[in-house]
């Protein structure tokens, strides 16, 4: 008897799930006020790099936020070109930024007003070299120019010439 009622409940839930997911997603968008959305738009455009994180760069409150701060430090992002927001200090900011970006987790990184991603995205971009290119192309960090002499004497070019 329990098994029959369990299966019938599961069938009812599975039939109801798609519509409830859609309605809950639509409802979620109503929570972010126009005023809050406007403030977030201004915040992400106010500085070349904007980081919404748990804690502060000096005292990150989660490992993911710490990793993002370390990656940005490794790339030499100057503090005057970066603004950070502690989402733990403001519950409205914590939920609002997730809705604003349509990204479910924090930390979140924006470069020149464009959402880049969270910790996992930043790690992947760092490993592939895409993050350095993004930061250079957006004027956050200076481009490293390789002189023709250094290029000619590089070990890769020496092997090709041999």
C-alpha atoms as a PDB file:
ATOM      1  CA  UNK A   1       0.000   0.000   0.000  1.00  0.00           C
ATOM      2  CA  UNK A   2       2.804   2.449   0.901  1.00  0.00           C
ATOM      3  CA  UNK A   3       4.616   1.622  -2.313  1.00  0.00           C
ATOM      4  CA  UNK A   4       1.504   2.337  -4.409  1.00  0.00           C
ATOM      5  CA  UNK A   5       0.903   5.680  -2.737  1.00  0.00           C
ATOM      6  CA  UNK A   6       4.578   6.572  -3.117  1.00  0.00           C
ATOM      7  CA  UNK A   7       4.557   5.837  -6.849  1.00  0.00           C
ATOM      8  CA  UNK A   8       1.299   7.699  -7.394  1.00  0.00           C
ATOM      9  CA  UNK A   9       2.751  10.709  -5.542  1.00  0.00           C
ATOM     10  CA  UNK A  10       5.871  10.596  -7.662  1.00  0.00           C
ATOM     11  CA  UNK A  11       3.787  10.505 -10.841  1.00  0.00           C
ATOM     12  CA  UNK A  12       1.762  13.484  -9.647  1.00  0.00           C
ATOM     13  CA  UNK A  13       4.923  15.387  -8.775  1.00  0.00           C
ATOM     14  CA  UNK A  14       6.588  14.584 -12.064  1.00  0.00           C
ATOM     15  CA  UNK A  15       3.570  15.828 -14.003  1.00  0.00           C
ATOM     16  CA  UNK A  16       3.413  18.993 -11.900  1.00  0.00           C
ATOM     17  CA  UNK A  17       7.145  19.661 -11.823  1.00  0.00           C
ATOM     18  CA  UNK A  18       7.636  21.432 -15.175  1.00  0.00           C
ATOM     19  CA  UNK A  19       4.890  23.980 -14.618  1.00  0.00           C
ATOM     20  CA  UNK A  20       5.941  24.609 -11.016  1.00  0.00           C
ATOM     21  CA  UNK A  21       9.544  25.130 -12.121  1.00  0.00           C
ATOM     22  CA  UNK A  22       8.475  27.627 -14.754  1.00  0.00           C
ATOM     23  CA  UNK A  23       6.225  29.525 -12.380  1.00  0.00           C
ATOM     24  CA  UNK A  24       8.868  29.596  -9.636  1.00  0.00           C
ATOM     25  CA  UNK A  25      11.448  30.938 -12.120  1.00  0.00           C
ATOM     26  CA  UNK A  26       9.035  33.628 -13.263  1.00  0.00           C
ATOM     27  CA  UNK A  27       8.225  34.511  -9.678  1.00  0.00           C
ATOM     28  CA  UNK A  28      11.916  34.783  -8.801  1.00  0.00           C
ATOM     29  CA  UNK A  29      12.398  37.556 -11.341  1.00  0.00           C
ATOM     30  CA  UNK A  30       9.767  39.635  -9.596  1.00  0.00           C
ATOM     31  CA  UNK A  31      11.816  39.835  -6.400  1.00  0.00           C
ATOM     32  CA  UNK A  32      14.503  42.097  -7.880  1.00  0.00           C
ATOM     33  CA  UNK A  33      13.128  45.609  -7.839  1.00  0.00           C
ATOM     34  CA  UNK A  34      13.815  48.035 -10.645  1.00  0.00           C
ATOM     35  CA  UNK A  35      15.763  50.162  -8.178  1.00  0.00           C
ATOM     36  CA  UNK A  36      17.976  47.258  -7.097  1.00  0.00           C
ATOM     37  CA  UNK A  37      18.534  46.176 -10.711  1.00  0.00           C
ATOM     38  CA  UNK A  38      19.561  49.753 -11.566  1.00  0.00           C
ATOM     39  CA  UNK A  39      21.998  49.889  -8.635  1.00  0.00           C
ATOM     40  CA  UNK A  40      23.566  46.592  -9.678  1.00  0.00           C
ATOM     41  CA  UNK A  41      23.916  47.776 -13.285  1.00  0.00           C
ATOM     42  CA  UNK A  42      25.667  50.923 -12.065  1.00  0.00           C
ATOM     43  CA  UNK A  43      27.903  48.907  -9.733  1.00  0.00           C
ATOM     44  CA  UNK A  44      29.132  46.482 -12.391  1.00  0.00           C
ATOM     45  CA  UNK A  45      29.881  49.351 -14.794  1.00  0.00           C
ATOM     46  CA  UNK A  46      31.559  51.660 -12.249  1.00  0.00           C
ATOM     47  CA  UNK A  47      34.936  49.861 -12.248  1.00  0.00           C
ATOM     48  CA  UNK A  48      36.859  47.783 -14.768  1.00  0.00           C
ATOM     49  CA  UNK A  49      36.670  44.704 -12.499  1.00  0.00           C
ATOM     50  CA  UNK A  50      33.856  44.072 -10.045  1.00  0.00           C
ATOM     51  CA  UNK A  51      33.843  41.091  -7.702  1.00  0.00           C
ATOM     52  CA  UNK A  52      30.843  40.024  -5.651  1.00  0.00           C
ATOM     53  CA  UNK A  53      32.220  37.701  -3.009  1.00  0.00           C
ATOM     54  CA  UNK A  54      31.744  36.286   0.463  1.00  0.00           C
ATOM     55  CA  UNK A  55      33.935  38.385   2.711  1.00  0.00           C
ATOM     56  CA  UNK A  56      36.610  40.818   1.637  1.00  0.00           C
ATOM     57  CA  UNK A  57      39.832  40.335  -0.341  1.00  0.00           C
ATOM     58  CA  UNK A  58      41.786  40.607   2.914  1.00  0.00           C
ATOM     59  CA  UNK A  59      39.468  38.119   4.662  1.00  0.00           C
ATOM     60  CA  UNK A  60      37.550  35.896   2.226  1.00  0.00           C
ATOM     61  CA  UNK A  61      34.803  33.925   3.944  1.00  0.00           C
ATOM     62  CA  UNK A  62      34.779  30.946   1.553  1.00  0.00           C
ATOM     63  CA  UNK A  63      37.327  28.993  -0.443  1.00  0.00           C
ATOM     64  CA  UNK A  64      35.813  29.931  -3.802  1.00  0.00           C
ATOM     65  CA  UNK A  65      36.030  33.641  -3.030  1.00  0.00           C
ATOM     66  CA  UNK A  66      39.609  33.133  -1.821  1.00  0.00           C
ATOM     67  CA  UNK A  67      40.511  31.352  -5.080  1.00  0.00           C
ATOM     68  CA  UNK A  68      39.083  34.165  -7.216  1.00  0.00           C
ATOM     69  CA  UNK A  69      40.975  36.805  -5.220  1.00  0.00           C
ATOM     70  CA  UNK A  70      44.192  34.804  -5.611  1.00  0.00           C
ATOM     71  CA  UNK A  71      43.698  34.440  -9.375  1.00  0.00           C
ATOM     72  CA  UNK A  72      43.071  38.162  -9.811  1.00  0.00           C
ATOM     73  CA  UNK A  73      46.158  38.867  -7.667  1.00  0.00           C
ATOM     74  CA  UNK A  74      48.279  36.506  -9.793  1.00  0.00           C
ATOM     75  CA  UNK A  75      47.272  38.482 -12.869  1.00  0.00           C
ATOM     76  CA  UNK A  76      48.211  41.740 -11.174  1.00  0.00           C
ATOM     77  CA  UNK A  77      44.787  43.376 -11.206  1.00  0.00           C
ATOM     78  CA  UNK A  78      45.403  46.735  -9.502  1.00  0.00           C
ATOM     79  CA  UNK A  79      43.219  47.485  -6.487  1.00  0.00           C
ATOM     80  CA  UNK A  80      42.248  50.864  -7.968  1.00  0.00           C
ATOM     81  CA  UNK A  81      40.698  49.077 -10.962  1.00  0.00           C
ATOM     82  CA  UNK A  82      38.746  46.592  -8.846  1.00  0.00           C
ATOM     83  CA  UNK A  83      35.710  47.024  -6.646  1.00  0.00           C
ATOM     84  CA  UNK A  84      34.574  44.232  -4.342  1.00  0.00           C
ATOM     85  CA  UNK A  85      31.244  43.748  -2.612  1.00  0.00           C
ATOM     86  CA  UNK A  86      30.736  41.511   0.409  1.00  0.00           C
ATOM     87  CA  UNK A  87      27.419  39.745  -0.194  1.00  0.00           C
ATOM     88  CA  UNK A  88      27.376  38.478   3.399  1.00  0.00           C
ATOM     89  CA  UNK A  89      26.939  42.048   4.645  1.00  0.00           C
ATOM     90  CA  UNK A  90      23.710  42.570   2.674  1.00  0.00           C
ATOM     91  CA  UNK A  91      21.085  39.806   2.216  1.00  0.00           C
ATOM     92  CA  UNK A  92      19.360  41.773  -0.570  1.00  0.00           C
ATOM     93  CA  UNK A  93      22.659  42.020  -2.467  1.00  0.00           C
ATOM     94  CA  UNK A  94      23.352  38.317  -1.914  1.00  0.00           C
ATOM     95  CA  UNK A  95      20.090  37.206  -3.501  1.00  0.00           C
ATOM     96  CA  UNK A  96      19.845  40.115  -5.940  1.00  0.00           C
ATOM     97  CA  UNK A  97      23.197  39.528  -7.635  1.00  0.00           C
ATOM     98  CA  UNK A  98      22.280  35.903  -8.338  1.00  0.00           C
ATOM     99  CA  UNK A  99      19.067  36.982 -10.004  1.00  0.00           C
ATOM    100  CA  UNK A 100      20.733  39.890 -11.822  1.00  0.00           C
ATOM    101  CA  UNK A 101      23.387  37.668 -13.425  1.00  0.00           C
ATOM    102  CA  UNK A 102      21.194  34.574 -13.666  1.00  0.00           C
ATOM    103  CA  UNK A 103      24.115  32.733 -12.031  1.00  0.00           C
ATOM    104  CA  UNK A 104      23.282  30.713  -8.895  1.00  0.00           C
ATOM    105  CA  UNK A 105      26.507  31.092  -6.931  1.00  0.00           C
ATOM    106  CA  UNK A 106      28.906  33.634  -5.492  1.00  0.00           C
ATOM    107  CA  UNK A 107      31.644  34.756  -6.192  1.00  0.00           C
ATOM    108  CA  UNK A 108      30.826  36.511  -9.438  1.00  0.00           C
ATOM    109  CA  UNK A 109      33.223  38.524 -11.576  1.00  0.00           C
ATOM    110  CA  UNK A 110      32.393  41.304 -14.026  1.00  0.00           C
ATOM    111  CA  UNK A 111      34.869  42.922 -16.408  1.00  0.00           C
ATOM    112  CA  UNK A 112      33.849  46.270 -17.903  1.00  0.00           C
ATOM    113  CA  UNK A 113      30.208  45.624 -17.074  1.00  0.00           C
ATOM    114  CA  UNK A 114      30.101  42.146 -18.607  1.00  0.00           C
ATOM    115  CA  UNK A 115      29.513  39.060 -16.497  1.00  0.00           C
ATOM    116  CA  UNK A 116      32.486  36.690 -16.764  1.00  0.00           C
ATOM    117  CA  UNK A 117      31.489  33.933 -14.348  1.00  0.00           C
ATOM    118  CA  UNK A 118      32.201  32.376 -11.012  1.00  0.00           C
ATOM    119  CA  UNK A 119      35.156  30.572  -9.522  1.00  0.00           C
ATOM    120  CA  UNK A 120      35.079  27.549 -11.828  1.00  0.00           C
ATOM    121  CA  UNK A 121      34.883  29.703 -14.955  1.00  0.00           C
ATOM    122  CA  UNK A 122      37.720  31.949 -13.755  1.00  0.00           C
ATOM    123  CA  UNK A 123      39.945  28.962 -12.964  1.00  0.00           C
ATOM    124  CA  UNK A 124      39.361  27.533 -16.438  1.00  0.00           C
ATOM    125  CA  UNK A 125      40.044  30.887 -18.087  1.00  0.00           C
ATOM    126  CA  UNK A 126      43.198  31.307 -16.000  1.00  0.00           C
ATOM    127  CA  UNK A 127      44.481  27.860 -16.981  1.00  0.00           C
ATOM    128  CA  UNK A 128      43.801  28.397 -20.681  1.00  0.00           C
ATOM    129  CA  UNK A 129      45.244  31.930 -20.782  1.00  0.00           C
ATOM    130  CA  UNK A 130      41.871  33.459 -21.709  1.00  0.00           C
ATOM    131  CA  UNK A 131      41.667  35.466 -18.491  1.00  0.00           C
ATOM    132  CA  UNK A 132      44.964  37.244 -19.128  1.00  0.00           C
ATOM    133  CA  UNK A 133      43.833  38.073 -22.670  1.00  0.00           C
ATOM    134  CA  UNK A 134      40.469  39.343 -21.400  1.00  0.00           C
ATOM    135  CA  UNK A 135      42.111  41.541 -18.775  1.00  0.00           C
ATOM    136  CA  UNK A 136      44.666  42.895 -21.264  1.00  0.00           C
ATOM    137  CA  UNK A 137      42.072  43.579 -23.981  1.00  0.00           C
ATOM    138  CA  UNK A 138      39.909  45.473 -21.492  1.00  0.00           C
ATOM    139  CA  UNK A 139      42.781  47.622 -20.215  1.00  0.00           C
ATOM    140  CA  UNK A 140      42.760  46.144 -16.730  1.00  0.00           C
ATOM    141  CA  UNK A 141      46.351  44.960 -16.873  1.00  0.00           C
ATOM    142  CA  UNK A 142      49.069  46.090 -19.294  1.00  0.00           C
ATOM    143  CA  UNK A 143      49.847  43.940 -22.295  1.00  0.00           C
ATOM    144  CA  UNK A 144      53.200  42.262 -22.079  1.00  0.00           C
ATOM    145  CA  UNK A 145      55.087  43.161 -25.203  1.00  0.00           C
ATOM    146  CA  UNK A 146      57.673  40.684 -26.362  1.00  0.00           C
ATOM    147  CA  UNK A 147      60.638  42.338 -28.029  1.00  0.00           C
ATOM    148  CA  UNK A 148      61.762  40.904 -31.396  1.00  0.00           C
ATOM    149  CA  UNK A 149      65.177  40.093 -29.878  1.00  0.00           C
ATOM    150  CA  UNK A 150      63.631  38.098 -27.043  1.00  0.00           C
ATOM    151  CA  UNK A 151      61.354  36.314 -29.486  1.00  0.00           C
ATOM    152  CA  UNK A 152      64.291  35.347 -31.715  1.00  0.00           C
ATOM    153  CA  UNK A 153      66.316  33.982 -28.824  1.00  0.00           C
ATOM    154  CA  UNK A 154      63.492  31.987 -27.250  1.00  0.00           C
ATOM    155  CA  UNK A 155      64.110  28.229 -26.832  1.00  0.00           C
ATOM    156  CA  UNK A 156      61.103  27.440 -29.056  1.00  0.00           C
ATOM    157  CA  UNK A 157      62.524  29.454 -31.948  1.00  0.00           C
ATOM    158  CA  UNK A 158      66.005  27.919 -31.398  1.00  0.00           C
ATOM    159  CA  UNK A 159      64.510  24.421 -31.805  1.00  0.00           C
ATOM    160  CA  UNK A 160      62.610  25.445 -34.948  1.00  0.00           C
ATOM    161  CA  UNK A 161      65.764  26.970 -36.478  1.00  0.00           C
ATOM    162  CA  UNK A 162      67.847  23.850 -35.783  1.00  0.00           C
END
